[in-house]
Amino acid sequence: MHAARVHRQCDEPADASSVWSESTFSYFHATRAYLEAWGKPVAFYSDKHGVFRVNHPGALGGDGMTQFGRALHALNIDIICAHSSQAKGRVERAHKTLQDRLVKELRLAGAATLAAGNALLPAFTADYNARFGKPPANEKDLHRPLRAGDDLEDAFAWKEERTLSQALTLQYDKVIFILEPSEKAKAAIGKRVTVVDYPDGRLAIRHKGVELAYRTFDKIRQVDQGTIADNKRLGSVLAMIRDEQLRREPERRSGPRRRDQRDTRLFKVG
């Protein structure tokens, strides 16, 4: 999948990249690179892909924003979803050219892998802009500089809320997280905590801005009787999981999942 970002003031692609899939984390990575290079725009203009807006009319939970929308909101950037491809004329015209000319350029250069293709993109973009770019009608740059308080690492992380159980456990992406029994963790029992999943695989659990120490137990892993007997504090929890595993075959959860964003496990379990 090729992604191109076009400046509103002119027809020049700001940059482009190739990724394996059109996922939230692909957009996180591309948008962060754009902001670091150019600053913050007033708004991003996009299509109605599920990364950018909630497309389920019956969705009742949450705050009405996608993970990407939440990240932009945290940085005070708006997002405008076009109602048609014609409304996104500039970027669609760029895509029409890129999907033809770029493919041929990659073939002529012998680029057969994603890495090789991405290595050629900076030179291709520079040549493309030199040949087809047009001066903007208004040369004023409306990008805003990043502020000291703009935490890009925190903004571009996958965040979900969970309720902490009496046993100081919570479930996230088929993994049980077991919090260390600190006073701050005990104070969060029965309350909502935030799971912060970073693109590089780090994961934090927060309550009122405070990170809570934890360890993990993978629900996908089969639970044996010895594990239950050896764990005094979580024996009942593990026994319940064991009973559930014996009653049913492993089943996949429907809907978007954090693990769908990458091919490999992102955080250490077990």
C-alpha atoms as a PDB file:
ATOM      1  CA  MET A   1       0.000   0.000   0.000  1.00  0.00           C
ATOM      2  CA  HIS A   2       1.326   3.415  -0.941  1.00  0.00           C
ATOM      3  CA  ALA A   3       0.520   6.477   1.139  1.00  0.00           C
ATOM      4  CA  ALA A   4       1.035  10.035  -0.063  1.00  0.00           C
ATOM      5  CA  ARG A   5       0.481  13.293   1.800  1.00  0.00           C
ATOM      6  CA  VAL A   6      -0.129  16.373  -0.316  1.00  0.00           C
ATOM      7  CA  HIS A   7       0.239  19.983   0.848  1.00  0.00           C
ATOM      8  CA  ARG A   8      -3.035  21.920   0.629  1.00  0.00           C
ATOM      9  CA  GLN A   9      -1.240  25.008  -0.715  1.00  0.00           C
ATOM     10  CA  CYS A  10       0.154  23.257  -3.786  1.00  0.00           C
ATOM     11  CA  ASP A  11       0.058  20.001  -5.722  1.00  0.00           C
ATOM     12  CA  GLU A  12       3.369  18.678  -4.439  1.00  0.00           C
ATOM     13  CA  PRO A  13       3.351  15.451  -2.395  1.00  0.00           C
ATOM     14  CA  ALA A  14       4.966  16.252   0.941  1.00  0.00           C
ATOM     15  CA  ASP A  15       6.218  12.686   1.206  1.00  0.00           C
ATOM     16  CA  ALA A  16       5.236   9.114   0.478  1.00  0.00           C
ATOM     17  CA  SER A  17       5.777   5.672   1.916  1.00  0.00           C
ATOM     18  CA  SER A  18       4.957   2.028   1.267  1.00  0.00           C
ATOM     19  CA  VAL A  19       3.648  -0.218   4.037  1.00  0.00           C
ATOM     20  CA  TRP A  20       2.307  -3.751   4.244  1.00  0.00           C
ATOM     21  CA  SER A  21      -1.191  -2.753   5.340  1.00  0.00           C
ATOM     22  CA  GLU A  22      -3.357   0.327   5.823  1.00  0.00           C
ATOM     23  CA  SER A  23      -3.461   0.103   9.611  1.00  0.00           C
ATOM     24  CA  THR A  24      -3.756   2.605  12.436  1.00  0.00           C
ATOM     25  CA  PHE A  25      -0.086   2.183  13.316  1.00  0.00           C
ATOM     26  CA  SER A  26       0.975   2.787   9.724  1.00  0.00           C
ATOM     27  CA  TYR A  27      -0.831   6.110   9.873  1.00  0.00           C
ATOM     28  CA  PHE A  28       0.604   6.820  13.314  1.00  0.00           C
ATOM     29  CA  HIS A  29       4.123   6.370  11.946  1.00  0.00           C
ATOM     30  CA  ALA A  30       3.525   8.411   8.774  1.00  0.00           C
ATOM     31  CA  THR A  31       1.734  11.245  10.568  1.00  0.00           C
ATOM     32  CA  ARG A  32       4.389  11.535  13.247  1.00  0.00           C
ATOM     33  CA  ALA A  33       7.086  11.799  10.560  1.00  0.00           C
ATOM     34  CA  TYR A  34       5.066  14.494   8.795  1.00  0.00           C
ATOM     35  CA  LEU A  35       4.579  16.535  11.979  1.00  0.00           C
ATOM     36  CA  GLU A  36       8.245  16.315  12.878  1.00  0.00           C
ATOM     37  CA  ALA A  37       9.198  17.532   9.389  1.00  0.00           C
ATOM     38  CA  TRP A  38       6.569  20.216   8.753  1.00  0.00           C
ATOM     39  CA  GLY A  39       4.803  21.037  12.018  1.00  0.00           C
ATOM     40  CA  LYS A  40       1.084  20.786  12.799  1.00  0.00           C
ATOM     41  CA  PRO A  41      -1.502  21.587  10.107  1.00  0.00           C
ATOM     42  CA  VAL A  42      -4.864  23.077  11.005  1.00  0.00           C
ATOM     43  CA  ALA A  43      -6.537  19.873   9.795  1.00  0.00           C
ATOM     44  CA  PHE A  44      -5.992  16.684   7.825  1.00  0.00           C
ATOM     45  CA  TYR A  45      -8.329  15.992   4.890  1.00  0.00           C
ATOM     46  CA  SER A  46      -9.006  12.282   4.430  1.00  0.00           C
ATOM     47  CA  ASP A  47     -11.443   9.747   3.053  1.00  0.00           C
ATOM     48  CA  LYS A  48     -13.887   7.807   5.232  1.00  0.00           C
ATOM     49  CA  HIS A  49     -11.593   4.892   6.010  1.00  0.00           C
ATOM     50  CA  GLY A  50     -12.255   3.284   9.397  1.00  0.00           C
ATOM     51  CA  VAL A  51      -8.882   4.525  10.644  1.00  0.00           C
ATOM     52  CA  PHE A  52     -10.146   8.113  10.444  1.00  0.00           C
ATOM     53  CA  ARG A  53     -13.761   7.901  11.579  1.00  0.00           C
ATOM     54  CA  VAL A  54     -16.216   5.568  13.313  1.00  0.00           C
ATOM     55  CA  ASN A  55     -18.210   4.039  10.459  1.00  0.00           C
ATOM     56  CA  HIS A  56     -20.605   1.886  12.506  1.00  0.00           C
ATOM     57  CA  PRO A  57     -23.908   3.766  12.937  1.00  0.00           C
ATOM     58  CA  GLY A  58     -24.888   1.524  15.841  1.00  0.00           C
ATOM     59  CA  ALA A  59     -21.715   2.152  17.855  1.00  0.00           C
ATOM     60  CA  LEU A  60     -22.831   3.237  21.323  1.00  0.00           C
ATOM     61  CA  GLY A  61     -19.652   2.951  23.385  1.00  0.00           C
ATOM     62  CA  GLY A  62     -16.545   5.076  23.407  1.00  0.00           C
ATOM     63  CA  ASP A  63     -16.152   8.755  22.693  1.00  0.00           C
ATOM     64  CA  GLY A  64     -17.009   8.657  18.984  1.00  0.00           C
ATOM     65  CA  MET A  65     -13.352   8.939  17.919  1.00  0.00           C
ATOM     66  CA  THR A  66     -11.027   6.373  16.426  1.00  0.00           C
ATOM     67  CA  GLN A  67      -7.532   5.825  17.799  1.00  0.00           C
ATOM     68  CA  PHE A  68      -6.196   8.089  15.040  1.00  0.00           C
ATOM     69  CA  GLY A  69      -8.815  10.746  15.741  1.00  0.00           C
ATOM     70  CA  ARG A  70      -7.949  10.670  19.455  1.00  0.00           C
ATOM     71  CA  ALA A  71      -4.257  11.169  18.639  1.00  0.00           C
ATOM     72  CA  LEU A  72      -4.997  14.213  16.465  1.00  0.00           C
ATOM     73  CA  HIS A  73      -7.367  15.635  19.089  1.00  0.00           C
ATOM     74  CA  ALA A  74      -4.605  15.381  21.702  1.00  0.00           C
ATOM     75  CA  LEU A  75      -2.386  17.475  19.408  1.00  0.00           C
ATOM     76  CA  ASN A  76      -5.156  20.004  18.614  1.00  0.00           C
ATOM     77  CA  ILE A  77      -5.427  18.957  14.961  1.00  0.00           C
ATOM     78  CA  ASP A  78      -8.807  18.537  13.278  1.00  0.00           C
ATOM     79  CA  ILE A  79      -9.708  15.884  10.714  1.00  0.00           C
ATOM     80  CA  ILE A  80     -12.129  16.434   7.826  1.00  0.00           C
ATOM     81  CA  CYS A  81     -13.519  13.399   5.995  1.00  0.00           C
ATOM     82  CA  ALA A  82     -14.354  13.966   2.333  1.00  0.00           C
ATOM     83  CA  HIS A  83     -17.718  12.737   1.048  1.00  0.00           C
ATOM     84  CA  SER A  84     -16.331  11.673  -2.335  1.00  0.00           C
ATOM     85  CA  SER A  85     -13.054  10.979  -4.092  1.00  0.00           C
ATOM     86  CA  GLN A  86     -13.737  13.999  -6.296  1.00  0.00           C
ATOM     87  CA  ALA A  87     -13.621  16.202  -3.186  1.00  0.00           C
ATOM     88  CA  LYS A  88     -10.054  14.989  -2.649  1.00  0.00           C
ATOM     89  CA  GLY A  89      -9.054  15.933  -6.190  1.00  0.00           C
ATOM     90  CA  ARG A  90      -5.433  16.812  -5.544  1.00  0.00           C
ATOM     91  CA  VAL A  91      -4.460  13.678  -3.684  1.00  0.00           C
ATOM     92  CA  GLU A  92      -6.538  11.494  -6.026  1.00  0.00           C
ATOM     93  CA  ARG A  93      -4.751  12.969  -9.049  1.00  0.00           C
ATOM     94  CA  ALA A  94      -1.453  12.252  -7.326  1.00  0.00           C
ATOM     95  CA  HIS A  95      -2.528   8.664  -6.645  1.00  0.00           C
ATOM     96  CA  LYS A  96      -3.492   8.180 -10.290  1.00  0.00           C
ATOM     97  CA  THR A  97      -0.004   9.229 -11.359  1.00  0.00           C
ATOM     98  CA  LEU A  98       1.817   7.342  -8.606  1.00  0.00           C
ATOM     99  CA  GLN A  99      -0.065   4.106  -9.216  1.00  0.00           C
ATOM    100  CA  ASP A 100       1.137   4.196 -12.816  1.00  0.00           C
ATOM    101  CA  ARG A 101       4.454   6.047 -12.968  1.00  0.00           C
ATOM    102  CA  LEU A 102       5.812   4.891  -9.588  1.00  0.00           C
ATOM    103  CA  VAL A 103       5.138   1.222 -10.305  1.00  0.00           C
ATOM    104  CA  LYS A 104       7.090   1.498 -13.558  1.00  0.00           C
ATOM    105  CA  GLU A 105       9.945   3.346 -11.865  1.00  0.00           C
ATOM    106  CA  LEU A 106      10.205   0.641  -9.214  1.00  0.00           C
ATOM    107  CA  ARG A 107      10.282  -2.041 -11.883  1.00  0.00           C
ATOM    108  CA  LEU A 108      13.008  -0.254 -13.864  1.00  0.00           C
ATOM    109  CA  ALA A 109      15.069   0.158 -10.680  1.00  0.00           C
ATOM    110  CA  GLY A 110      14.706  -3.534  -9.857  1.00  0.00           C
ATOM    111  CA  ALA A 111      13.078  -2.813  -6.497  1.00  0.00           C
ATOM    112  CA  ALA A 112      11.471  -6.090  -5.456  1.00  0.00           C
ATOM    113  CA  THR A 113      11.058  -5.575  -1.709  1.00  0.00           C
ATOM    114  CA  LEU A 114       9.302  -3.070   0.520  1.00  0.00           C
ATOM    115  CA  ALA A 115      12.615  -1.779   1.876  1.00  0.00           C
ATOM    116  CA  ALA A 116      14.074  -1.316  -1.595  1.00  0.00           C
ATOM    117  CA  GLY A 117      10.972   0.524  -2.752  1.00  0.00           C
ATOM    118  CA  ASN A 118      10.991   2.871   0.229  1.00  0.00           C
ATOM    119  CA  ALA A 119      14.692   3.593  -0.329  1.00  0.00           C
ATOM    120  CA  LEU A 120      13.856   4.937  -3.810  1.00  0.00           C
ATOM    121  CA  LEU A 121      10.908   7.076  -2.736  1.00  0.00           C
ATOM    122  CA  PRO A 122      12.773  10.230  -1.529  1.00  0.00           C
ATOM    123  CA  ALA A 123      14.553  10.647  -4.877  1.00  0.00           C
ATOM    124  CA  PHE A 124      11.399   9.842  -6.803  1.00  0.00           C
ATOM    125  CA  THR A 125       9.357  12.369  -4.791  1.00  0.00           C
ATOM    126  CA  ALA A 126      11.957  15.090  -5.286  1.00  0.00           C
ATOM    127  CA  ASP A 127      12.043  14.459  -9.044  1.00  0.00           C
ATOM    128  CA  TYR A 128       8.242  14.294  -9.218  1.00  0.00           C
ATOM    129  CA  ASN A 129       7.867  17.625  -7.403  1.00  0.00           C
ATOM    130  CA  ALA A 130      10.532  19.306  -9.539  1.00  0.00           C
ATOM    131  CA  ARG A 131       8.751  18.265 -12.721  1.00  0.00           C
ATOM    132  CA  PHE A 132       5.096  18.607 -11.802  1.00  0.00           C
ATOM    133  CA  GLY A 133       4.896  20.798  -8.687  1.00  0.00           C
ATOM    134  CA  LYS A 134       3.180  24.173  -8.887  1.00  0.00           C
ATOM    135  CA  PRO A 135       3.732  27.249  -6.707  1.00  0.00           C
ATOM    136  CA  PRO A 136       0.994  27.814  -4.110  1.00  0.00           C
ATOM    137  CA  ALA A 137      -1.553  30.571  -4.588  1.00  0.00           C
ATOM    138  CA  ASN A 138      -0.752  31.702  -1.049  1.00  0.00           C
ATOM    139  CA  GLU A 139       2.823  31.160   0.109  1.00  0.00           C
ATOM    140  CA  LYS A 140       2.009  31.621   3.791  1.00  0.00           C
ATOM    141  CA  ASP A 141       2.795  28.453   5.740  1.00  0.00           C
ATOM    142  CA  LEU A 142      -0.084  27.730   8.111  1.00  0.00           C
ATOM    143  CA  HIS A 143       1.659  24.835   9.847  1.00  0.00           C
ATOM    144  CA  ARG A 144       2.061  25.425  13.562  1.00  0.00           C
ATOM    145  CA  PRO A 145       5.291  24.469  15.298  1.00  0.00           C
ATOM    146  CA  LEU A 146       5.177  21.619  17.757  1.00  0.00           C
ATOM    147  CA  ARG A 147       4.820  22.848  21.327  1.00  0.00           C
ATOM    148  CA  ALA A 148       6.877  21.649  24.256  1.00  0.00           C
ATOM    149  CA  GLY A 149       3.758  19.958  25.617  1.00  0.00           C
ATOM    150  CA  ASP A 150       3.032  18.017  22.412  1.00  0.00           C
ATOM    151  CA  ASP A 151       4.007  14.470  23.384  1.00  0.00           C
ATOM    152  CA  LEU A 152       4.071  12.614  20.063  1.00  0.00           C
ATOM    153  CA  GLU A 153       5.115   9.331  21.655  1.00  0.00           C
ATOM    154  CA  ASP A 154       2.108   9.360  23.963  1.00  0.00           C
ATOM    155  CA  ALA A 155      -0.316  10.681  21.345  1.00  0.00           C
ATOM    156  CA  PHE A 156       0.565   8.027  18.762  1.00  0.00           C
ATOM    157  CA  ALA A 157       0.001   5.053  21.052  1.00  0.00           C
ATOM    158  CA  TRP A 158      -2.955   2.678  21.027  1.00  0.00           C
ATOM    159  CA  LYS A 159      -5.068   3.314  24.144  1.00  0.00           C
ATOM    160  CA  GLU A 160      -7.928   1.303  25.610  1.00  0.00           C
ATOM    161  CA  GLU A 161      -9.656   1.384  28.985  1.00  0.00           C
ATOM    162  CA  ARG A 162     -10.290  -1.622  31.222  1.00  0.00           C
ATOM    163  CA  THR A 163     -11.855  -2.139  34.646  1.00  0.00           C
ATOM    164  CA  LEU A 164      -9.429  -3.473  37.239  1.00  0.00           C
ATOM    165  CA  SER A 165     -10.757  -6.539  39.048  1.00  0.00           C
ATOM    166  CA  GLN A 166     -10.631  -7.312  42.769  1.00  0.00           C
ATOM    167  CA  ALA A 167      -7.762  -9.715  41.991  1.00  0.00           C
ATOM    168  CA  LEU A 168      -5.806  -6.810  40.424  1.00  0.00           C
ATOM    169  CA  THR A 169      -6.184  -8.288  36.940  1.00  0.00           C
ATOM    170  CA  LEU A 170      -7.421  -7.046  33.598  1.00  0.00           C
ATOM    171  CA  GLN A 171      -7.626  -8.509  30.119  1.00  0.00           C
ATOM    172  CA  TYR A 172      -6.256  -6.890  26.990  1.00  0.00           C
ATOM    173  CA  ASP A 173      -5.867  -8.536  23.591  1.00  0.00           C
ATOM    174  CA  LYS A 174      -6.272 -12.076  24.953  1.00  0.00           C
ATOM    175  CA  VAL A 175      -3.638 -11.518  27.632  1.00  0.00           C
ATOM    176  CA  ILE A 176      -4.263 -11.271  31.380  1.00  0.00           C
ATOM    177  CA  PHE A 177      -2.310  -8.477  33.035  1.00  0.00           C
ATOM    178  CA  ILE A 178      -1.633  -8.967  36.742  1.00  0.00           C
ATOM    179  CA  LEU A 179      -0.830  -5.769  38.615  1.00  0.00           C
ATOM    180  CA  GLU A 180       1.648  -5.755  41.456  1.00  0.00           C
ATOM    181  CA  PRO A 181      -0.229  -5.226  44.762  1.00  0.00           C
ATOM    182  CA  SER A 182       0.939  -1.663  45.441  1.00  0.00           C
ATOM    183  CA  GLU A 183      -1.197   0.857  47.291  1.00  0.00           C
ATOM    184  CA  LYS A 184      -1.838   2.783  44.063  1.00  0.00           C
ATOM    185  CA  ALA A 185      -2.924  -0.402  42.311  1.00  0.00           C
ATOM    186  CA  LYS A 186      -5.266  -1.353  45.152  1.00  0.00           C
ATOM    187  CA  ALA A 187      -6.780   2.127  45.024  1.00  0.00           C
ATOM    188  CA  ALA A 188      -7.681   1.481  41.366  1.00  0.00           C
ATOM    189  CA  ILE A 189      -9.694  -1.715  42.066  1.00  0.00           C
ATOM    190  CA  GLY A 190     -13.098  -1.465  40.406  1.00  0.00           C
ATOM    191  CA  LYS A 191     -12.056   1.651  38.500  1.00  0.00           C
ATOM    192  CA  ARG A 192     -11.121   2.254  34.897  1.00  0.00           C
ATOM    193  CA  VAL A 193      -7.432   2.069  34.006  1.00  0.00           C
ATOM    194  CA  THR A 194      -5.819   2.876  30.660  1.00  0.00           C
ATOM    195  CA  VAL A 195      -3.730   0.410  28.680  1.00  0.00           C
ATOM    196  CA  VAL A 196      -1.165   2.314  26.607  1.00  0.00           C
ATOM    197  CA  ASP A 197       0.272   0.193  23.798  1.00  0.00           C
ATOM    198  CA  TYR A 198       3.224   1.807  22.000  1.00  0.00           C
ATOM    199  CA  PRO A 199       4.204   1.019  18.381  1.00  0.00           C
ATOM    200  CA  ASP A 200       7.624  -0.287  19.472  1.00  0.00           C
ATOM    201  CA  GLY A 201       6.068  -2.978  21.686  1.00  0.00           C
ATOM    202  CA  ARG A 202       6.229  -1.269  25.084  1.00  0.00           C
ATOM    203  CA  LEU A 203       3.050  -1.323  27.110  1.00  0.00           C
ATOM    204  CA  ALA A 204       1.989   0.697  30.154  1.00  0.00           C
ATOM    205  CA  ILE A 205      -1.031   0.552  32.436  1.00  0.00           C
ATOM    206  CA  ARG A 206      -2.041   3.873  33.961  1.00  0.00           C
ATOM    207  CA  HIS A 207      -4.515   5.116  36.532  1.00  0.00           C
ATOM    208  CA  LYS A 208      -4.910   8.870  36.898  1.00  0.00           C
ATOM    209  CA  GLY A 209      -1.672   9.368  35.017  1.00  0.00           C
ATOM    210  CA  VAL A 210       0.348   7.025  37.246  1.00  0.00           C
ATOM    211  CA  GLU A 211       1.943   3.923  35.698  1.00  0.00           C
ATOM    212  CA  LEU A 212       1.267   0.667  37.550  1.00  0.00           C
ATOM    213  CA  ALA A 213       3.708  -2.245  37.570  1.00  0.00           C
ATOM    214  CA  TYR A 214       2.404  -5.525  36.140  1.00  0.00           C
ATOM    215  CA  ARG A 215       3.233  -8.973  34.861  1.00  0.00           C
ATOM    216  CA  THR A 216       1.411 -10.970  32.205  1.00  0.00           C
ATOM    217  CA  PHE A 217      -0.251 -14.290  31.632  1.00  0.00           C
ATOM    218  CA  ASP A 218      -1.171 -15.270  28.068  1.00  0.00           C
ATOM    219  CA  LYS A 219      -4.723 -16.638  27.789  1.00  0.00           C
ATOM    220  CA  ILE A 220      -3.784 -18.255  24.483  1.00  0.00           C
ATOM    221  CA  ARG A 221      -1.329 -20.480  26.322  1.00  0.00           C
ATOM    222  CA  GLN A 222      -2.928 -23.630  27.707  1.00  0.00           C
ATOM    223  CA  VAL A 223      -3.275 -23.591  31.489  1.00  0.00           C
ATOM    224  CA  ASP A 224      -2.138 -26.737  33.300  1.00  0.00           C
ATOM    225  CA  GLN A 225      -3.162 -27.863  36.769  1.00  0.00           C
ATOM    226  CA  GLY A 226       0.338 -27.321  38.164  1.00  0.00           C
ATOM    227  CA  THR A 227       0.240 -23.638  37.283  1.00  0.00           C
ATOM    228  CA  ILE A 228      -3.025 -23.260  39.203  1.00  0.00           C
ATOM    229  CA  ALA A 229      -1.713 -25.050  42.282  1.00  0.00           C
ATOM    230  CA  ASP A 230       1.539 -23.065  42.366  1.00  0.00           C
ATOM    231  CA  ASN A 231      -0.110 -19.661  42.179  1.00  0.00           C
ATOM    232  CA  LYS A 232      -1.802 -18.935  45.501  1.00  0.00           C
ATOM    233  CA  ARG A 233      -3.030 -15.424  44.759  1.00  0.00           C
ATOM    234  CA  LEU A 234      -4.373 -16.128  41.251  1.00  0.00           C
ATOM    235  CA  GLY A 235      -5.296 -19.786  41.567  1.00  0.00           C
ATOM    236  CA  SER A 236      -9.034 -19.112  41.270  1.00  0.00           C
ATOM    237  CA  VAL A 237      -8.539 -16.890  38.204  1.00  0.00           C
ATOM    238  CA  LEU A 238      -6.381 -19.469  36.447  1.00  0.00           C
ATOM    239  CA  ALA A 239      -8.810 -22.239  37.357  1.00  0.00           C
ATOM    240  CA  MET A 240     -11.630 -20.288  35.748  1.00  0.00           C
ATOM    241  CA  ILE A 241      -9.568 -19.867  32.576  1.00  0.00           C
ATOM    242  CA  ARG A 242      -8.742 -23.580  32.589  1.00  0.00           C
ATOM    243  CA  ASP A 243     -12.444 -24.505  32.860  1.00  0.00           C
ATOM    244  CA  GLU A 244     -13.279 -22.157  30.005  1.00  0.00           C
ATOM    245  CA  GLN A 245     -10.578 -23.693  27.821  1.00  0.00           C
ATOM    246  CA  LEU A 246     -11.898 -27.182  28.467  1.00  0.00           C
ATOM    247  CA  ARG A 247     -15.483 -26.181  27.599  1.00  0.00           C
ATOM    248  CA  ARG A 248     -14.834 -24.653  24.218  1.00  0.00           C
ATOM    249  CA  GLU A 249     -12.484 -24.622  21.262  1.00  0.00           C
ATOM    250  CA  PRO A 250     -10.220 -21.575  20.853  1.00  0.00           C
ATOM    251  CA  GLU A 251     -12.191 -18.836  19.140  1.00  0.00           C
ATOM    252  CA  ARG A 252     -11.154 -15.617  17.494  1.00  0.00           C
ATOM    253  CA  ARG A 253     -12.474 -12.283  18.681  1.00  0.00           C
ATOM    254  CA  SER A 254     -14.305 -10.255  16.052  1.00  0.00           C
ATOM    255  CA  GLY A 255     -13.625  -6.587  15.394  1.00  0.00           C
ATOM    256  CA  PRO A 256     -10.369  -4.621  15.277  1.00  0.00           C
ATOM    257  CA  ARG A 257      -7.590  -5.964  17.473  1.00  0.00           C
ATOM    258  CA  ARG A 258      -4.277  -4.547  18.555  1.00  0.00           C
ATOM    259  CA  ARG A 259      -2.443  -7.649  17.358  1.00  0.00           C
ATOM    260  CA  ASP A 260      -3.827  -7.117  13.843  1.00  0.00           C
ATOM    261  CA  GLN A 261      -1.521  -4.100  13.546  1.00  0.00           C
ATOM    262  CA  ARG A 262       1.651  -6.204  13.358  1.00  0.00           C
ATOM    263  CA  ASP A 263       2.580  -9.772  12.424  1.00  0.00           C
ATOM    264  CA  THR A 264       4.509 -10.540  15.609  1.00  0.00           C
ATOM    265  CA  ARG A 265       3.680 -10.333  19.291  1.00  0.00           C
ATOM    266  CA  LEU A 266       4.327  -6.810  20.472  1.00  0.00           C
ATOM    267  CA  PHE A 267       4.604  -7.151  24.221  1.00  0.00           C
ATOM    268  CA  LYS A 268       6.234  -9.869  26.293  1.00  0.00           C
ATOM    269  CA  VAL A 269       3.890 -12.316  27.977  1.00  0.00           C
ATOM    270  CA  GLY A 270       4.327 -15.205  30.340  1.00  0.00           C
END
